[in-house]
């Protein structure tokens, strides 16, 4: 139980580490001069859709890796027995 909690915590930290640069870049592009396309996307609200899609994809990859790790761990335990 403790080991899976530790893995889950590290997975969330990894997800946060992957998302922070994206959010930081989005925040910086608001403050600086950026290309017209980015301004247009921001004004139309589409930039948030892009960030949401990236977040969903990364969360899906993280969930897949966690489930894969659990399955491999279960198979390793079965091989030991």
N, C-alpha and C. Protein backbone atom coordinates (compact mmCIF):
# COMPACT_ATOMS: atom_id res chain seq x y z
N UNK A 1 0.83 -1.19 0.00
CA UNK A 1 0.00 0.00 0.00
C UNK A 1 0.87 1.25 0.00
N UNK A 2 1.90 1.23 0.84
CA UNK A 2 2.79 2.38 0.94
C UNK A 2 3.54 2.60 -0.36
N UNK A 3 3.94 1.51 -0.99
CA UNK A 3 4.69 1.59 -2.23
C UNK A 3 3.83 2.17 -3.36
N UNK A 4 2.56 1.75 -3.45
CA UNK A 4 1.69 2.27 -4.50
C UNK A 4 1.36 3.74 -4.26
N UNK A 5 1.25 4.14 -3.00
CA UNK A 5 1.02 5.54 -2.68
C UNK A 5 2.22 6.39 -3.06
N UNK A 6 3.39 5.85 -2.85
CA UNK A 6 4.61 6.54 -3.23
C UNK A 6 4.70 6.69 -4.76
N UNK A 7 4.32 5.64 -5.48
CA UNK A 7 4.33 5.69 -6.94
C UNK A 7 3.31 6.69 -7.46
N UNK A 8 2.15 6.72 -6.83
CA UNK A 8 1.11 7.66 -7.23
C UNK A 8 1.55 9.09 -7.00
N UNK A 9 2.18 9.33 -5.87
CA UNK A 9 2.68 10.67 -5.56
C UNK A 9 3.74 11.09 -6.57
N UNK A 10 4.64 10.18 -6.92
CA UNK A 10 5.68 10.52 -7.89
C UNK A 10 5.06 10.72 -9.28
N UNK A 11 4.00 10.01 -9.60
CA UNK A 11 3.34 10.20 -10.88
C UNK A 11 2.70 11.58 -10.96
N UNK A 12 2.07 12.01 -9.87
CA UNK A 12 1.47 13.35 -9.86
C UNK A 12 2.54 14.43 -9.93
N UNK A 13 3.67 14.20 -9.29
CA UNK A 13 4.77 15.16 -9.37
C UNK A 13 5.31 15.24 -10.80
N UNK A 14 5.37 14.11 -11.46
CA UNK A 14 5.82 14.09 -12.85
C UNK A 14 4.85 14.85 -13.74
N UNK A 15 3.56 14.64 -13.53
CA UNK A 15 2.55 15.35 -14.31
C UNK A 15 2.65 16.85 -14.07
N UNK A 16 2.83 17.25 -12.82
CA UNK A 16 2.98 18.67 -12.51
C UNK A 16 4.24 19.23 -13.16
N UNK A 17 5.31 18.46 -13.15
CA UNK A 17 6.56 18.92 -13.75
C UNK A 17 6.41 19.08 -15.26
N UNK A 18 5.58 18.26 -15.88
CA UNK A 18 5.35 18.37 -17.31
C UNK A 18 4.41 19.52 -17.66
N UNK A 19 3.48 19.82 -16.77
CA UNK A 19 2.51 20.87 -17.06
C UNK A 19 3.00 22.26 -16.71
N UNK A 20 3.86 22.37 -15.74
CA UNK A 20 4.33 23.69 -15.32
C UNK A 20 5.00 24.48 -16.44
N UNK A 21 5.88 23.88 -17.24
CA UNK A 21 6.46 24.67 -18.34
C UNK A 21 5.43 25.15 -19.36
N UNK A 22 4.41 24.34 -19.61
CA UNK A 22 3.37 24.74 -20.55
C UNK A 22 2.59 25.93 -20.00
N UNK A 23 2.21 25.85 -18.74
CA UNK A 23 1.48 26.95 -18.13
C UNK A 23 2.35 28.20 -18.00
N UNK A 24 3.61 28.01 -17.70
CA UNK A 24 4.53 29.15 -17.58
C UNK A 24 4.71 29.83 -18.93
N UNK A 25 4.85 29.05 -19.98
CA UNK A 25 5.00 29.62 -21.32
C UNK A 25 3.74 30.36 -21.74
N UNK A 26 2.59 29.82 -21.39
CA UNK A 26 1.34 30.50 -21.72
C UNK A 26 1.22 31.82 -20.97
N UNK A 27 1.65 31.84 -19.73
CA UNK A 27 1.59 33.07 -18.94
C UNK A 27 2.59 34.09 -19.45
N UNK A 28 3.75 33.65 -19.88
CA UNK A 28 4.74 34.58 -20.40
C UNK A 28 4.32 35.14 -21.75
N UNK A 29 3.66 34.35 -22.57
CA UNK A 29 3.25 34.84 -23.88
C UNK A 29 2.19 35.93 -23.75
N UNK A 30 1.45 35.91 -22.65
CA UNK A 30 0.46 36.96 -22.41
C UNK A 30 1.18 38.27 -22.11
N UNK A 31 2.27 38.22 -21.39
CA UNK A 31 2.97 39.42 -20.95
C UNK A 31 3.89 40.00 -22.03
N UNK A 32 4.34 39.20 -22.98
CA UNK A 32 5.29 39.67 -23.98
C UNK A 32 4.63 39.80 -25.33
N UNK A 33 5.36 40.42 -26.26
CA UNK A 33 4.88 40.48 -27.64
C UNK A 33 4.95 39.08 -28.22
N UNK A 34 3.87 38.64 -28.80
CA UNK A 34 3.82 37.30 -29.35
C UNK A 34 3.27 37.38 -30.77
N UNK A 35 3.38 36.31 -31.51
CA UNK A 35 2.87 36.31 -32.88
C UNK A 35 1.37 36.59 -32.93
N UNK A 36 0.92 37.08 -34.06
CA UNK A 36 -0.49 37.41 -34.22
C UNK A 36 -1.39 36.20 -34.04
N UNK A 37 -0.92 35.04 -34.49
CA UNK A 37 -1.74 33.84 -34.38
C UNK A 37 -2.04 33.54 -32.91
N UNK A 38 -1.03 33.68 -32.05
CA UNK A 38 -1.25 33.40 -30.62
C UNK A 38 -2.22 34.41 -30.03
N UNK A 39 -2.11 35.67 -30.45
CA UNK A 39 -3.05 36.69 -29.96
C UNK A 39 -4.46 36.37 -30.39
N UNK A 40 -4.60 35.97 -31.64
CA UNK A 40 -5.93 35.63 -32.16
C UNK A 40 -6.51 34.43 -31.42
N UNK A 41 -5.69 33.42 -31.21
CA UNK A 41 -6.17 32.23 -30.51
C UNK A 41 -6.55 32.56 -29.07
N UNK A 42 -5.78 33.43 -28.44
CA UNK A 42 -6.08 33.82 -27.07
C UNK A 42 -7.37 34.62 -27.01
N UNK A 43 -7.56 35.52 -27.97
CA UNK A 43 -8.77 36.34 -27.98
C UNK A 43 -10.01 35.49 -28.24
N UNK A 44 -9.87 34.50 -29.09
CA UNK A 44 -11.00 33.61 -29.39
C UNK A 44 -11.21 32.55 -28.31
N UNK A 45 -10.27 32.44 -27.39
CA UNK A 45 -10.38 31.44 -26.33
C UNK A 45 -9.90 30.07 -26.77
N UNK A 46 -9.31 29.95 -27.93
CA UNK A 46 -8.87 28.64 -28.44
C UNK A 46 -7.58 28.17 -27.77
N UNK A 47 -6.79 29.10 -27.25
CA UNK A 47 -5.53 28.70 -26.60
C UNK A 47 -5.81 27.82 -25.39
N UNK A 48 -6.94 28.08 -24.73
CA UNK A 48 -7.30 27.27 -23.57
C UNK A 48 -7.69 25.86 -23.99
N UNK A 49 -8.26 25.74 -25.17
CA UNK A 49 -8.59 24.42 -25.70
C UNK A 49 -7.31 23.64 -25.97
N UNK A 50 -6.31 24.32 -26.52
CA UNK A 50 -5.03 23.67 -26.80
C UNK A 50 -4.38 23.19 -25.50
N UNK A 51 -4.38 24.05 -24.49
CA UNK A 51 -3.81 23.67 -23.19
C UNK A 51 -4.60 22.52 -22.57
N UNK A 52 -5.91 22.56 -22.71
CA UNK A 52 -6.75 21.47 -22.16
C UNK A 52 -6.46 20.16 -22.87
N UNK A 53 -6.30 20.19 -24.18
CA UNK A 53 -6.02 18.95 -24.93
C UNK A 53 -4.66 18.38 -24.53
N UNK A 54 -3.66 19.26 -24.39
CA UNK A 54 -2.34 18.80 -23.96
C UNK A 54 -2.42 18.17 -22.58
N UNK A 55 -3.18 18.81 -21.68
CA UNK A 55 -3.33 18.29 -20.33
C UNK A 55 -4.01 16.92 -20.33
N UNK A 56 -5.05 16.78 -21.13
CA UNK A 56 -5.77 15.49 -21.20
C UNK A 56 -4.86 14.40 -21.76
N UNK A 57 -4.09 14.73 -22.78
CA UNK A 57 -3.19 13.73 -23.38
C UNK A 57 -2.14 13.30 -22.37
N UNK A 58 -1.54 14.26 -21.67
CA UNK A 58 -0.53 13.91 -20.67
C UNK A 58 -1.13 13.12 -19.51
N UNK A 59 -2.33 13.49 -19.08
CA UNK A 59 -2.99 12.74 -18.01
C UNK A 59 -3.30 11.32 -18.46
N UNK A 60 -3.72 11.15 -19.73
CA UNK A 60 -3.98 9.82 -20.26
C UNK A 60 -2.72 8.97 -20.32
N UNK A 61 -1.63 9.57 -20.74
CA UNK A 61 -0.35 8.84 -20.75
C UNK A 61 0.07 8.44 -19.35
N UNK A 62 -0.12 9.35 -18.40
CA UNK A 62 0.23 9.05 -17.02
C UNK A 62 -0.63 7.91 -16.47
N UNK A 63 -1.92 7.95 -16.75
CA UNK A 63 -2.81 6.88 -16.29
C UNK A 63 -2.42 5.54 -16.93
N UNK A 64 -2.07 5.57 -18.21
CA UNK A 64 -1.65 4.34 -18.90
C UNK A 64 -0.38 3.78 -18.27
N UNK A 65 0.58 4.66 -17.98
CA UNK A 65 1.83 4.20 -17.37
C UNK A 65 1.61 3.63 -15.98
N UNK A 66 0.73 4.24 -15.21
CA UNK A 66 0.43 3.73 -13.87
C UNK A 66 -0.22 2.35 -13.96
N UNK A 67 -1.20 2.20 -14.87
CA UNK A 67 -1.85 0.90 -15.00
C UNK A 67 -0.87 -0.17 -15.51
N UNK A 68 0.00 0.24 -16.42
CA UNK A 68 0.99 -0.70 -16.93
C UNK A 68 1.96 -1.12 -15.83
N UNK A 69 2.35 -0.19 -14.99
CA UNK A 69 3.24 -0.50 -13.87
C UNK A 69 2.58 -1.48 -12.90
N UNK A 70 1.30 -1.27 -12.65
CA UNK A 70 0.57 -2.19 -11.75
C UNK A 70 0.50 -3.59 -12.34
N UNK A 71 0.23 -3.68 -13.64
CA UNK A 71 0.15 -4.99 -14.29
C UNK A 71 1.50 -5.70 -14.27
N UNK A 72 2.56 -4.97 -14.55
CA UNK A 72 3.90 -5.57 -14.53
C UNK A 72 4.26 -6.00 -13.11
N UNK A 73 3.92 -5.19 -12.12
CA UNK A 73 4.17 -5.56 -10.73
C UNK A 73 3.42 -6.82 -10.34
N UNK A 74 2.18 -6.93 -10.79
CA UNK A 74 1.37 -8.13 -10.50
C UNK A 74 2.00 -9.36 -11.14
N UNK A 75 2.45 -9.22 -12.40
CA UNK A 75 3.10 -10.35 -13.08
C UNK A 75 4.40 -10.74 -12.41
N UNK A 76 5.17 -9.76 -11.93
CA UNK A 76 6.41 -10.06 -11.22
C UNK A 76 6.14 -10.83 -9.94
N UNK A 77 5.09 -10.42 -9.22
CA UNK A 77 4.73 -11.13 -7.99
C UNK A 77 4.29 -12.55 -8.28
N UNK A 78 3.56 -12.75 -9.38
CA UNK A 78 3.12 -14.11 -9.74
C UNK A 78 4.32 -14.99 -10.13
N UNK A 79 5.30 -14.41 -10.77
CA UNK A 79 6.49 -15.18 -11.14
C UNK A 79 7.30 -15.59 -9.92
N UNK A 80 7.33 -14.75 -8.91
CA UNK A 80 8.06 -15.07 -7.70
C UNK A 80 7.41 -16.22 -6.93
N UNK A 81 6.07 -16.30 -6.99
CA UNK A 81 5.33 -17.34 -6.23
C UNK A 81 5.38 -18.68 -6.89
